[in-house]
Amino acid sequence: AHYDRPSVTVDLAIFTVLHKALHVLLVKRRAAPFAGMWALPGGFVHM
């Protein structure tokens, strides 16, 4: 309790080749912050 505890997340850069080019997997965020923007898949790590 005497120390700040930052949150920990994971983010994923998943690649494939499509249409003769390297592609990355992105998700569109539904919630804030950055709602409506594209992002790498990811989220908070459970304890």
ModelCIF file with pLDDT and N, C-alpha, C, O atoms, coordinates in Angstrom:
data_MODEL
#
_entry.id   MODEL 
#
_entity.id                         1 
_entity.type                       polymer 
_entity.pdbx_number_of_molecules   1 
#
_entity_poly.entity_id                      1 
_entity_poly.type                           'polypeptide(L)' 
_entity_poly.nstd_linkage                   no 
_entity_poly.nstd_monomer                   no 
_entity_poly.pdbx_seq_one_letter_code       AHYDRPSVTVDLAIFTVLHKALHVLLVKRRAAPFAGMWALPGGFVHM 
_entity_poly.pdbx_seq_one_letter_code_can   AHYDRPSVTVDLAIFTVLHKALHVLLVKRRAAPFAGMWALPGGFVHM 
_entity_poly.pdbx_strand_id                 A 
#
loop_
_entity_poly_seq.entity_id 
_entity_poly_seq.num 
_entity_poly_seq.mon_id 
_entity_poly_seq.hetero 
1 1  ALA n 
1 2  HIS n 
1 3  TYR n 
1 4  ASP n 
1 5  ARG n 
1 6  PRO n 
1 7  SER n 
1 8  VAL n 
1 9  THR n 
1 10 VAL n 
1 11 ASP n 
1 12 LEU n 
1 13 ALA n 
1 14 ILE n 
1 15 PHE n 
1 16 THR n 
1 17 VAL n 
1 18 LEU n 
1 19 HIS n 
1 20 LYS n 
1 21 ALA n 
1 22 LEU n 
1 23 HIS n 
1 24 VAL n 
1 25 LEU n 
1 26 LEU n 
1 27 VAL n 
1 28 LYS n 
1 29 ARG n 
1 30 ARG n 
1 31 ALA n 
1 32 ALA n 
1 33 PRO n 
1 34 PHE n 
1 35 ALA n 
1 36 GLY n 
1 37 MET n 
1 38 TRP n 
1 39 ALA n 
1 40 LEU n 
1 41 PRO n 
1 42 GLY n 
1 43 GLY n 
1 44 PHE n 
1 45 VAL n 
1 46 HIS n 
1 47 MET n 
#
_struct_asym.id          A 
_struct_asym.entity_id   1 
#
loop_
_ma_qa_metric.id 
_ma_qa_metric.mode 
_ma_qa_metric.name 
_ma_qa_metric.software_group_id 
_ma_qa_metric.type 
1 global pLDDT . pLDDT 
2 local  pLDDT . pLDDT 
#
_ma_qa_metric_global.metric_id      1 
_ma_qa_metric_global.metric_value   94.38 
_ma_qa_metric_global.model_id       1 
_ma_qa_metric_global.ordinal_id     1 
#
loop_
_ma_qa_metric_local.label_asym_id 
_ma_qa_metric_local.label_comp_id 
_ma_qa_metric_local.label_seq_id 
_ma_qa_metric_local.metric_id 
_ma_qa_metric_local.metric_value 
_ma_qa_metric_local.model_id 
_ma_qa_metric_local.ordinal_id 
A ALA 1  2 86.00 1 1  
A HIS 2  2 88.00 1 2  
A TYR 3  2 88.00 1 3  
A ASP 4  2 89.00 1 4  
A ARG 5  2 89.00 1 5  
A PRO 6  2 93.00 1 6  
A SER 7  2 96.00 1 7  
A VAL 8  2 98.00 1 8  
A THR 9  2 98.00 1 9  
A VAL 10 2 98.00 1 10 
A ASP 11 2 98.00 1 11 
A LEU 12 2 97.00 1 12 
A ALA 13 2 97.00 1 13 
A ILE 14 2 95.00 1 14 
A PHE 15 2 95.00 1 15 
A THR 16 2 93.00 1 16 
A VAL 17 2 92.00 1 17 
A LEU 18 2 93.00 1 18 
A HIS 19 2 92.00 1 19 
A LYS 20 2 92.00 1 20 
A ALA 21 2 94.00 1 21 
A LEU 22 2 95.00 1 22 
A HIS 23 2 96.00 1 23 
A VAL 24 2 97.00 1 24 
A LEU 25 2 95.00 1 25 
A LEU 26 2 96.00 1 26 
A VAL 27 2 95.00 1 27 
A LYS 28 2 96.00 1 28 
A ARG 29 2 94.00 1 29 
A ARG 30 2 91.00 1 30 
A ALA 31 2 90.00 1 31 
A ALA 32 2 93.00 1 32 
A PRO 33 2 95.00 1 33 
A PHE 34 2 96.00 1 34 
A ALA 35 2 95.00 1 35 
A GLY 36 2 95.00 1 36 
A MET 37 2 97.00 1 37 
A TRP 38 2 97.00 1 38 
A ALA 39 2 97.00 1 39 
A LEU 40 2 97.00 1 40 
A PRO 41 2 95.00 1 41 
A GLY 42 2 95.00 1 42 
A GLY 43 2 95.00 1 43 
A PHE 44 2 96.00 1 44 
A VAL 45 2 97.00 1 45 
A HIS 46 2 96.00 1 46 
A MET 47 2 94.00 1 47 
#
loop_
_atom_site.group_PDB 
_atom_site.id 
_atom_site.type_symbol 
_atom_site.label_atom_id 
_atom_site.label_alt_id 
_atom_site.label_comp_id 
_atom_site.label_asym_id 
_atom_site.label_entity_id 
_atom_site.label_seq_id 
_atom_site.pdbx_PDB_ins_code 
_atom_site.Cartn_x 
_atom_site.Cartn_y 
_atom_site.Cartn_z 
_atom_site.occupancy 
_atom_site.B_iso_or_equiv 
_atom_site.pdbx_formal_charge 
_atom_site.auth_seq_id 
_atom_site.auth_comp_id 
_atom_site.auth_asym_id 
_atom_site.auth_atom_id 
_atom_site.pdbx_PDB_model_num 
ATOM 1   N N  . ALA A 1 1  ? 0.815   -1.215  0.000   1.00 86.00 ? 1  ALA A N  1 
ATOM 2   C CA . ALA A 1 1  ? 0.000   0.000   0.000   1.00 86.00 ? 1  ALA A CA 1 
ATOM 3   C C  . ALA A 1 1  ? 0.852   1.270   0.000   1.00 86.00 ? 1  ALA A C  1 
ATOM 4   O O  . ALA A 1 1  ? 0.355   2.352   -0.312  1.00 86.00 ? 1  ALA A O  1 
ATOM 5   N N  . HIS A 1 2  ? 2.129   1.138   0.349   1.00 88.00 ? 2  HIS A N  1 
ATOM 6   C CA . HIS A 1 2  ? 3.001   2.307   0.405   1.00 88.00 ? 2  HIS A CA 1 
ATOM 7   C C  . HIS A 1 2  ? 3.569   2.693   -0.955  1.00 88.00 ? 2  HIS A C  1 
ATOM 8   O O  . HIS A 1 2  ? 4.226   3.726   -1.080  1.00 88.00 ? 2  HIS A O  1 
ATOM 9   N N  . TYR A 1 3  ? 3.324   1.881   -1.962  1.00 88.00 ? 3  TYR A N  1 
ATOM 10  C CA . TYR A 1 3  ? 3.917   2.111   -3.278  1.00 88.00 ? 3  TYR A CA 1 
ATOM 11  C C  . TYR A 1 3  ? 2.838   2.198   -4.350  1.00 88.00 ? 3  TYR A C  1 
ATOM 12  O O  . TYR A 1 3  ? 1.841   1.478   -4.303  1.00 88.00 ? 3  TYR A O  1 
ATOM 13  N N  . ASP A 1 4  ? 3.048   3.086   -5.316  1.00 89.00 ? 4  ASP A N  1 
ATOM 14  C CA . ASP A 1 4  ? 2.148   3.146   -6.463  1.00 89.00 ? 4  ASP A CA 1 
ATOM 15  C C  . ASP A 1 4  ? 2.283   1.868   -7.270  1.00 89.00 ? 4  ASP A C  1 
ATOM 16  O O  . ASP A 1 4  ? 3.373   1.309   -7.389  1.00 89.00 ? 4  ASP A O  1 
ATOM 17  N N  . ARG A 1 5  ? 1.174   1.410   -7.822  1.00 89.00 ? 5  ARG A N  1 
ATOM 18  C CA . ARG A 1 5  ? 1.196   0.175   -8.611  1.00 89.00 ? 5  ARG A CA 1 
ATOM 19  C C  . ARG A 1 5  ? 0.666   0.460   -10.019 1.00 89.00 ? 5  ARG A C  1 
ATOM 20  O O  . ARG A 1 5  ? -0.546  0.554   -10.217 1.00 89.00 ? 5  ARG A O  1 
ATOM 21  N N  . PRO A 1 6  ? 1.552   0.595   -10.982 1.00 93.00 ? 6  PRO A N  1 
ATOM 22  C CA . PRO A 1 6  ? 1.092   0.842   -12.359 1.00 93.00 ? 6  PRO A CA 1 
ATOM 23  C C  . PRO A 1 6  ? 0.355   -0.361  -12.914 1.00 93.00 ? 6  PRO A C  1 
ATOM 24  O O  . PRO A 1 6  ? 0.601   -1.496  -12.506 1.00 93.00 ? 6  PRO A O  1 
ATOM 25  N N  . SER A 1 7  ? -0.543  -0.108  -13.840 1.00 96.00 ? 7  SER A N  1 
ATOM 26  C CA . SER A 1 7  ? -1.253  -1.200  -14.513 1.00 96.00 ? 7  SER A CA 1 
ATOM 27  C C  . SER A 1 7  ? -0.340  -1.807  -15.579 1.00 96.00 ? 7  SER A C  1 
ATOM 28  O O  . SER A 1 7  ? 0.566   -1.145  -16.084 1.00 96.00 ? 7  SER A O  1 
ATOM 29  N N  . VAL A 1 8  ? -0.589  -3.064  -15.910 1.00 98.00 ? 8  VAL A N  1 
ATOM 30  C CA . VAL A 1 8  ? 0.194   -3.781  -16.919 1.00 98.00 ? 8  VAL A CA 1 
ATOM 31  C C  . VAL A 1 8  ? -0.758  -4.262  -18.012 1.00 98.00 ? 8  VAL A C  1 
ATOM 32  O O  . VAL A 1 8  ? -1.803  -4.845  -17.726 1.00 98.00 ? 8  VAL A O  1 
ATOM 33  N N  . THR A 1 9  ? -0.386  -4.011  -19.257 1.00 98.00 ? 9  THR A N  1 
ATOM 34  C CA . THR A 1 9  ? -1.177  -4.487  -20.385 1.00 98.00 ? 9  THR A CA 1 
ATOM 35  C C  . THR A 1 9  ? -0.304  -5.302  -21.324 1.00 98.00 ? 9  THR A C  1 
ATOM 36  O O  . THR A 1 9  ? 0.917   -5.350  -21.174 1.00 98.00 ? 9  THR A O  1 
ATOM 37  N N  . VAL A 1 10 ? -0.939  -5.934  -22.285 1.00 98.00 ? 10 VAL A N  1 
ATOM 38  C CA . VAL A 1 10 ? -0.249  -6.589  -23.392 1.00 98.00 ? 10 VAL A CA 1 
ATOM 39  C C  . VAL A 1 10 ? -0.812  -6.014  -24.687 1.00 98.00 ? 10 VAL A C  1 
ATOM 40  O O  . VAL A 1 10 ? -2.010  -5.749  -24.788 1.00 98.00 ? 10 VAL A O  1 
ATOM 41  N N  . ASP A 1 11 ? 0.060   -5.823  -25.678 1.00 98.00 ? 11 ASP A N  1 
ATOM 42  C CA . ASP A 1 11 ? -0.359  -5.398  -27.014 1.00 98.00 ? 11 ASP A CA 1 
ATOM 43  C C  . ASP A 1 11 ? 0.287   -6.334  -28.022 1.00 98.00 ? 11 ASP A C  1 
ATOM 44  O O  . ASP A 1 11 ? 1.392   -6.831  -27.802 1.00 98.00 ? 11 ASP A O  1 
ATOM 45  N N  . LEU A 1 12 ? -0.417  -6.572  -29.140 1.00 97.00 ? 12 LEU A N  1 
ATOM 46  C CA . LEU A 1 12 ? 0.026   -7.600  -30.069 1.00 97.00 ? 12 LEU A CA 1 
ATOM 47  C C  . LEU A 1 12 ? 0.127   -7.082  -31.496 1.00 97.00 ? 12 LEU A C  1 
ATOM 48  O O  . LEU A 1 12 ? -0.827  -6.521  -32.034 1.00 97.00 ? 12 LEU A O  1 
ATOM 49  N N  . ALA A 1 13 ? 1.284   -7.275  -32.096 1.00 97.00 ? 13 ALA A N  1 
ATOM 50  C CA . ALA A 1 13 ? 1.486   -6.962  -33.508 1.00 97.00 ? 13 ALA A CA 1 
ATOM 51  C C  . ALA A 1 13 ? 1.461   -8.293  -34.271 1.00 97.00 ? 13 ALA A C  1 
ATOM 52  O O  . ALA A 1 13 ? 2.439   -9.040  -34.270 1.00 97.00 ? 13 ALA A O  1 
ATOM 53  N N  . ILE A 1 14 ? 0.333   -8.571  -34.917 1.00 95.00 ? 14 ILE A N  1 
ATOM 54  C CA . ILE A 1 14 ? 0.134   -9.827  -35.641 1.00 95.00 ? 14 ILE A CA 1 
ATOM 55  C C  . ILE A 1 14 ? 0.225   -9.541  -37.134 1.00 95.00 ? 14 ILE A C  1 
ATOM 56  O O  . ILE A 1 14 ? -0.549  -8.744  -37.663 1.00 95.00 ? 14 ILE A O  1 
ATOM 57  N N  . PHE A 1 15 ? 1.166   -10.188 -37.813 1.00 95.00 ? 15 PHE A N  1 
ATOM 58  C CA . PHE A 1 15 ? 1.435   -9.909  -39.213 1.00 95.00 ? 15 PHE A CA 1 
ATOM 59  C C  . PHE A 1 15 ? 1.024   -11.068 -40.115 1.00 95.00 ? 15 PHE A C  1 
ATOM 60  O O  . PHE A 1 15 ? 1.033   -12.232 -39.712 1.00 95.00 ? 15 PHE A O  1 
ATOM 61  N N  . THR A 1 16 ? 0.661   -10.714 -41.352 1.00 93.00 ? 16 THR A N  1 
ATOM 62  C CA . THR A 1 16 ? 0.419   -11.695 -42.389 1.00 93.00 ? 16 THR A CA 1 
ATOM 63  C C  . THR A 1 16 ? 0.769   -11.053 -43.727 1.00 93.00 ? 16 THR A C  1 
ATOM 64  O O  . THR A 1 16 ? 1.033   -9.853  -43.793 1.00 93.00 ? 16 THR A O  1 
ATOM 65  N N  . VAL A 1 17 ? 0.771   -11.852 -44.792 1.00 92.00 ? 17 VAL A N  1 
ATOM 66  C CA . VAL A 1 17 ? 0.968   -11.319 -46.141 1.00 92.00 ? 17 VAL A CA 1 
ATOM 67  C C  . VAL A 1 17 ? -0.340  -11.453 -46.907 1.00 92.00 ? 17 VAL A C  1 
ATOM 68  O O  . VAL A 1 17 ? -0.872  -12.551 -47.071 1.00 92.00 ? 17 VAL A O  1 
ATOM 69  N N  . LEU A 1 18 ? -0.848  -10.319 -47.373 1.00 93.00 ? 18 LEU A N  1 
ATOM 70  C CA . LEU A 1 18 ? -2.079  -10.257 -48.158 1.00 93.00 ? 18 LEU A CA 1 
ATOM 71  C C  . LEU A 1 18 ? -1.854  -9.331  -49.343 1.00 93.00 ? 18 LEU A C  1 
ATOM 72  O O  . LEU A 1 18 ? -1.181  -8.307  -49.220 1.00 93.00 ? 18 LEU A O  1 
ATOM 73  N N  . HIS A 1 19 ? -2.417  -9.693  -50.490 1.00 92.00 ? 19 HIS A N  1 
ATOM 74  C CA . HIS A 1 19 ? -2.354  -8.825  -51.663 1.00 92.00 ? 19 HIS A CA 1 
ATOM 75  C C  . HIS A 1 19 ? -0.917  -8.372  -51.949 1.00 92.00 ? 19 HIS A C  1 
ATOM 76  O O  . HIS A 1 19 ? -0.673  -7.221  -52.310 1.00 92.00 ? 19 HIS A O  1 
ATOM 77  N N  . LYS A 1 20 ? 0.022   -9.304  -51.779 1.00 92.00 ? 20 LYS A N  1 
ATOM 78  C CA . LYS A 1 20 ? 1.434   -9.060  -52.068 1.00 92.00 ? 20 LYS A CA 1 
ATOM 79  C C  . LYS A 1 20 ? 2.025   -7.939  -51.222 1.00 92.00 ? 20 LYS A C  1 
ATOM 80  O O  . LYS A 1 20 ? 2.844   -7.156  -51.702 1.00 92.00 ? 20 LYS A O  1 
ATOM 81  N N  . ALA A 1 21 ? 1.602   -7.866  -49.949 1.00 94.00 ? 21 ALA A N  1 
ATOM 82  C CA . ALA A 1 21 ? 2.142   -6.862  -49.041 1.00 94.00 ? 21 ALA A CA 1 
ATOM 83  C C  . ALA A 1 21 ? 2.002   -7.346  -47.602 1.00 94.00 ? 21 ALA A C  1 
ATOM 84  O O  . ALA A 1 21 ? 1.096   -8.115  -47.280 1.00 94.00 ? 21 ALA A O  1 
ATOM 85  N N  . LEU A 1 22 ? 2.907   -6.889  -46.745 1.00 95.00 ? 22 LEU A N  1 
ATOM 86  C CA . LEU A 1 22 ? 2.826   -7.209  -45.324 1.00 95.00 ? 22 LEU A CA 1 
ATOM 87  C C  . LEU A 1 22 ? 1.664   -6.443  -44.702 1.00 95.00 ? 22 LEU A C  1 
ATOM 88  O O  . LEU A 1 22 ? 1.539   -5.233  -44.888 1.00 95.00 ? 22 LEU A O  1 
ATOM 89  N N  . HIS A 1 23 ? 0.816   -7.152  -43.965 1.00 96.00 ? 23 HIS A N  1 
ATOM 90  C CA . HIS A 1 23 ? -0.329  -6.542  -43.295 1.00 96.00 ? 23 HIS A CA 1 
ATOM 91  C C  . HIS A 1 23 ? -0.255  -6.794  -41.792 1.00 96.00 ? 23 HIS A C  1 
ATOM 92  O O  . HIS A 1 23 ? 0.344   -7.772  -41.343 1.00 96.00 ? 23 HIS A O  1 
ATOM 93  N N  . VAL A 1 24 ? -0.871  -5.898  -41.020 1.00 97.00 ? 24 VAL A N  1 
ATOM 94  C CA . VAL A 1 24 ? -0.938  -6.030  -39.576 1.00 97.00 ? 24 VAL A CA 1 
ATOM 95  C C  . VAL A 1 24 ? -2.403  -6.051  -39.148 1.00 97.00 ? 24 VAL A C  1 
ATOM 96  O O  . VAL A 1 24 ? -3.248  -5.396  -39.757 1.00 97.00 ? 24 VAL A O  1 
ATOM 97  N N  . LEU A 1 25 ? -2.690  -6.807  -38.097 1.00 95.00 ? 25 LEU A N  1 
ATOM 98  C CA . LEU A 1 25 ? -4.056  -6.919  -37.590 1.00 95.00 ? 25 LEU A CA 1 
ATOM 99  C C  . LEU A 1 25 ? -4.361  -5.750  -36.654 1.00 95.00 ? 25 LEU A C  1 
ATOM 100 O O  . LEU A 1 25 ? -3.619  -5.498  -35.705 1.00 95.00 ? 25 LEU A O  1 
ATOM 101 N N  . LEU A 1 26 ? -5.463  -5.034  -36.928 1.00 96.00 ? 26 LEU A N  1 
ATOM 102 C CA . LEU A 1 26 ? -5.866  -3.902  -36.097 1.00 96.00 ? 26 LEU A CA 1 
ATOM 103 C C  . LEU A 1 26 ? -7.326  -4.054  -35.676 1.00 96.00 ? 26 LEU A C  1 
ATOM 104 O O  . LEU A 1 26 ? -8.133  -4.660  -36.381 1.00 96.00 ? 26 LEU A O  1 
ATOM 105 N N  . VAL A 1 27 ? -7.643  -3.492  -34.517 1.00 95.00 ? 27 VAL A N  1 
ATOM 106 C CA . VAL A 1 27 ? -9.024  -3.474  -34.031 1.00 95.00 ? 27 VAL A CA 1 
ATOM 107 C C  . VAL A 1 27 ? -9.451  -2.022  -33.842 1.00 95.00 ? 27 VAL A C  1 
ATOM 108 O O  . VAL A 1 27 ? -8.638  -1.170  -33.485 1.00 95.00 ? 27 VAL A O  1 
ATOM 109 N N  . LYS A 1 28 ? -10.728 -1.747  -34.082 1.00 96.00 ? 28 LYS A N  1 
ATOM 110 C CA . LYS A 1 28 ? -11.259 -0.397  -33.867 1.00 96.00 ? 28 LYS A CA 1 
ATOM 111 C C  . LYS A 1 28 ? -11.797 -0.321  -32.448 1.00 96.00 ? 28 LYS A C  1 
ATOM 112 O O  . LYS A 1 28 ? -12.645 -1.122  -32.056 1.00 96.00 ? 28 LYS A O  1 
ATOM 113 N N  . ARG A 1 29 ? -11.302 0.652   -31.674 1.00 94.00 ? 29 ARG A N  1 
ATOM 114 C CA . ARG A 1 29 ? -11.694 0.772   -30.274 1.00 94.00 ? 29 ARG A CA 1 
ATOM 115 C C  . ARG A 1 29 ? -13.143 1.239   -30.150 1.00 94.00 ? 29 ARG A C  1 
ATOM 116 O O  . ARG A 1 29 ? -13.579 2.182   -30.811 1.00 94.00 ? 29 ARG A O  1 
ATOM 117 N N  . ARG A 1 30 ? -13.868 0.543   -29.281 1.00 91.00 ? 30 ARG A N  1 
ATOM 118 C CA . ARG A 1 30 ? -15.265 0.892   -29.053 1.00 91.00 ? 30 ARG A CA 1 
ATOM 119 C C  . ARG A 1 30 ? -15.405 1.938   -27.933 1.00 91.00 ? 30 ARG A C  1 
ATOM 120 O O  . ARG A 1 30 ? -16.336 2.744   -27.943 1.00 91.00 ? 30 ARG A O  1 
ATOM 121 N N  . ALA A 1 31 ? -14.468 1.914   -26.966 1.00 90.00 ? 31 ALA A N  1 
ATOM 122 C CA . ALA A 1 31 ? -14.603 2.769   -25.787 1.00 90.00 ? 31 ALA A CA 1 
ATOM 123 C C  . ALA A 1 31 ? -13.442 3.756   -25.685 1.00 90.00 ? 31 ALA A C  1 
ATOM 124 O O  . ALA A 1 31 ? -12.412 3.597   -26.340 1.00 90.00 ? 31 ALA A O  1 
ATOM 125 N N  . ALA A 1 32 ? -13.630 4.777   -24.852 1.00 93.00 ? 32 ALA A N  1 
ATOM 126 C CA . ALA A 1 32 ? -12.567 5.735   -24.567 1.00 93.00 ? 32 ALA A CA 1 
ATOM 127 C C  . ALA A 1 32 ? -11.475 5.052   -23.739 1.00 93.00 ? 32 ALA A C  1 
ATOM 128 O O  . ALA A 1 32 ? -11.751 4.086   -23.028 1.00 93.00 ? 32 ALA A O  1 
ATOM 129 N N  . PRO A 1 33 ? -10.240 5.547   -23.826 1.00 95.00 ? 33 PRO A N  1 
ATOM 130 C CA . PRO A 1 33 ? -9.808  6.663   -24.675 1.00 95.00 ? 33 PRO A CA 1 
ATOM 131 C C  . PRO A 1 33 ? -9.599  6.225   -26.121 1.00 95.00 ? 33 PRO A C  1 
ATOM 132 O O  . PRO A 1 33 ? -9.474  5.033   -26.404 1.00 95.00 ? 33 PRO A O  1 
ATOM 133 N N  . PHE A 1 34 ? -9.562  7.168   -27.007 1.00 96.00 ? 34 PHE A N  1 
ATOM 134 C CA . PHE A 1 34 ? -9.338  6.931   -28.429 1.00 96.00 ? 34 PHE A CA 1 
ATOM 135 C C  . PHE A 1 34 ? -10.461 6.090   -29.060 1.00 96.00 ? 34 PHE A C  1 
ATOM 136 O O  . PHE A 1 34 ? -10.203 5.283   -29.952 1.00 96.00 ? 34 PHE A O  1 
ATOM 137 N N  . ALA A 1 35 ? -11.705 6.279   -28.597 1.00 95.00 ? 35 ALA A N  1 
ATOM 138 C CA . ALA A 1 35 ? -12.838 5.557   -29.175 1.00 95.00 ? 35 ALA A CA 1 
ATOM 139 C C  . ALA A 1 35 ? -12.928 5.859   -30.667 1.00 95.00 ? 35 ALA A C  1 
ATOM 140 O O  . ALA A 1 35 ? -12.806 7.012   -31.082 1.00 95.00 ? 35 ALA A O  1 
ATOM 141 N N  . GLY A 1 36 ? -13.139 4.825   -31.465 1.00 95.00 ? 36 GLY A N  1 
ATOM 142 C CA . GLY A 1 36 ? -13.263 4.978   -32.901 1.00 95.00 ? 36 GLY A CA 1 
ATOM 143 C C  . GLY A 1 36 ? -11.946 4.909   -33.647 1.00 95.00 ? 36 GLY A C  1 
ATOM 144 O O  . GLY A 1 36 ? -11.938 4.874   -34.877 1.00 95.00 ? 36 GLY A O  1 
ATOM 145 N N  . MET A 1 37 ? -10.828 4.887   -32.926 1.00 97.00 ? 37 MET A N  1 
ATOM 146 C CA . MET A 1 37 ? -9.529  4.795   -33.579 1.00 97.00 ? 37 MET A CA 1 
ATOM 147 C C  . MET A 1 37 ? -9.079  3.334   -33.676 1.00 97.00 ? 37 MET A C  1 
ATOM 148 O O  . MET A 1 37 ? -9.523  2.479   -32.910 1.00 97.00 ? 37 MET A O  1 
ATOM 149 N N  . TRP A 1 38 ? -8.200  3.076   -34.625 1.00 97.00 ? 38 TRP A N  1 
ATOM 150 C CA . TRP A 1 38 ? -7.642  1.737   -34.784 1.00 97.00 ? 38 TRP A CA 1 
ATOM 151 C C  . TRP A 1 38 ? -6.462  1.570   -33.837 1.00 97.00 ? 38 TRP A C  1 
ATOM 152 O O  . TRP A 1 38 ? -5.754  2.527   -33.524 1.00 97.00 ? 38 TRP A O  1 
ATOM 153 N N  . ALA A 1 39 ? -6.267  0.326   -33.386 1.00 97.00 ? 39 ALA A N  1 
ATOM 154 C CA . ALA A 1 39 ? -5.204  0.032   -32.426 1.00 97.00 ? 39 ALA A CA 1 
ATOM 155 C C  . ALA A 1 39 ? -4.773  -1.416  -32.585 1.00 97.00 ? 39 ALA A C  1 
ATOM 156 O O  . ALA A 1 39 ? -5.465  -2.221  -33.208 1.00 97.00 ? 39 ALA A O  1 
ATOM 157 N N  . LEU A 1 40 ? -3.638  -1.730  -32.022 1.00 97.00 ? 40 LEU A N  1 
ATOM 158 C CA . LEU A 1 40 ? -3.233  -3.133  -31.947 1.00 97.00 ? 40 LEU A CA 1 
ATOM 159 C C  . LEU A 1 40 ? -4.128  -3.841  -30.941 1.00 97.00 ? 40 LEU A C  1 
ATOM 160 O O  . LEU A 1 40 ? -4.543  -3.228  -29.958 1.00 97.00 ? 40 LEU A O  1 
ATOM 161 N N  . PRO A 1 41 ? -4.438  -5.119  -31.161 1.00 95.00 ? 41 PRO A N  1 
ATOM 162 C CA . PRO A 1 41 ? -5.202  -5.861  -30.153 1.00 95.00 ? 41 PRO A CA 1 
ATOM 163 C C  . PRO A 1 41 ? -4.431  -5.888  -28.834 1.00 95.00 ? 41 PRO A C  1 
ATOM 164 O O  . PRO A 1 41 ? -3.201  -5.951  -28.824 1.00 95.00 ? 41 PRO A O  1 
ATOM 165 N N  . GLY A 1 42 ? -5.162  -5.841  -27.732 1.00 95.00 ? 42 GLY A N  1 
ATOM 166 C CA . GLY A 1 42 ? -4.494  -5.897  -26.434 1.00 95.00 ? 42 GLY A CA 1 
ATOM 167 C C  . GLY A 1 42 ? -5.419  -5.503  -25.317 1.00 95.00 ? 42 GLY A C  1 
ATOM 168 O O  . GLY A 1 42 ? -6.582  -5.172  -25.547 1.00 95.00 ? 42 GLY A O  1 
ATOM 169 N N  . GLY A 1 43 ? -4.901  -5.538  -24.093 1.00 95.00 ? 43 GLY A N  1 
ATOM 170 C CA . GLY A 1 43 ? -5.708  -5.171  -22.943 1.00 95.00 ? 43 GLY A CA 1 
ATOM 171 C C  . GLY A 1 43 ? -4.956  -5.425  -21.646 1.00 95.00 ? 43 GLY A C  1 
ATOM 172 O O  . GLY A 1 43 ? -3.771  -5.760  -21.649 1.00 95.00 ? 43 GLY A O  1 
ATOM 173 N N  . PHE A 1 44 ? -5.668  -5.259  -20.541 1.00 96.00 ? 44 PHE A N  1 
ATOM 174 C CA . PHE A 1 44 ? -5.054  -5.353  -19.220 1.00 96.00 ? 44 PHE A CA 1 
ATOM 175 C C  . PHE A 1 44 ? -4.819  -6.804  -18.809 1.00 96.00 ? 44 PHE A C  1 
ATOM 176 O O  . PHE A 1 44 ? -5.609  -7.696  -19.118 1.00 96.00 ? 44 PHE A O  1 
ATOM 177 N N  . VAL A 1 45 ? -3.717  -7.009  -18.107 1.00 97.00 ? 45 VAL A N  1 
ATOM 178 C CA . VAL A 1 45 ? -3.361  -8.336  -17.600 1.00 97.00 ? 45 VAL A CA 1 
ATOM 179 C C  . VAL A 1 45 ? -4.073  -8.564  -16.275 1.00 97.00 ? 45 VAL A C  1 
ATOM 180 O O  . VAL A 1 45 ? -4.014  -7.720  -15.380 1.00 97.00 ? 45 VAL A O  1 
ATOM 181 N N  . HIS A 1 46 ? -4.748  -9.707  -16.147 1.00 96.00 ? 46 HIS A N  1 
ATOM 182 C CA . HIS A 1 46 ? -5.406  -10.055 -14.889 1.00 96.00 ? 46 HIS A CA 1 
ATOM 183 C C  . HIS A 1 46 ? -4.374  -10.500 -13.859 1.00 96.00 ? 46 HIS A C  1 
ATOM 184 O O  . HIS A 1 46 ? -3.293  -10.964 -14.219 1.00 96.00 ? 46 HIS A O  1 
ATOM 185 N N  . MET A 1 47 ? -4.702  -10.360 -12.601 1.00 94.00 ? 47 MET A N  1 
ATOM 186 C CA . MET A 1 47 ? -3.770  -10.693 -11.535 1.00 94.00 ? 47 MET A CA 1 
ATOM 187 C C  . MET A 1 47 ? -3.409  -12.179 -11.500 1.00 94.00 ? 47 MET A C  1 
ATOM 188 O O  . MET A 1 47 ? -2.628  -12.605 -10.649 1.00 94.00 ? 47 MET A O  1 
#
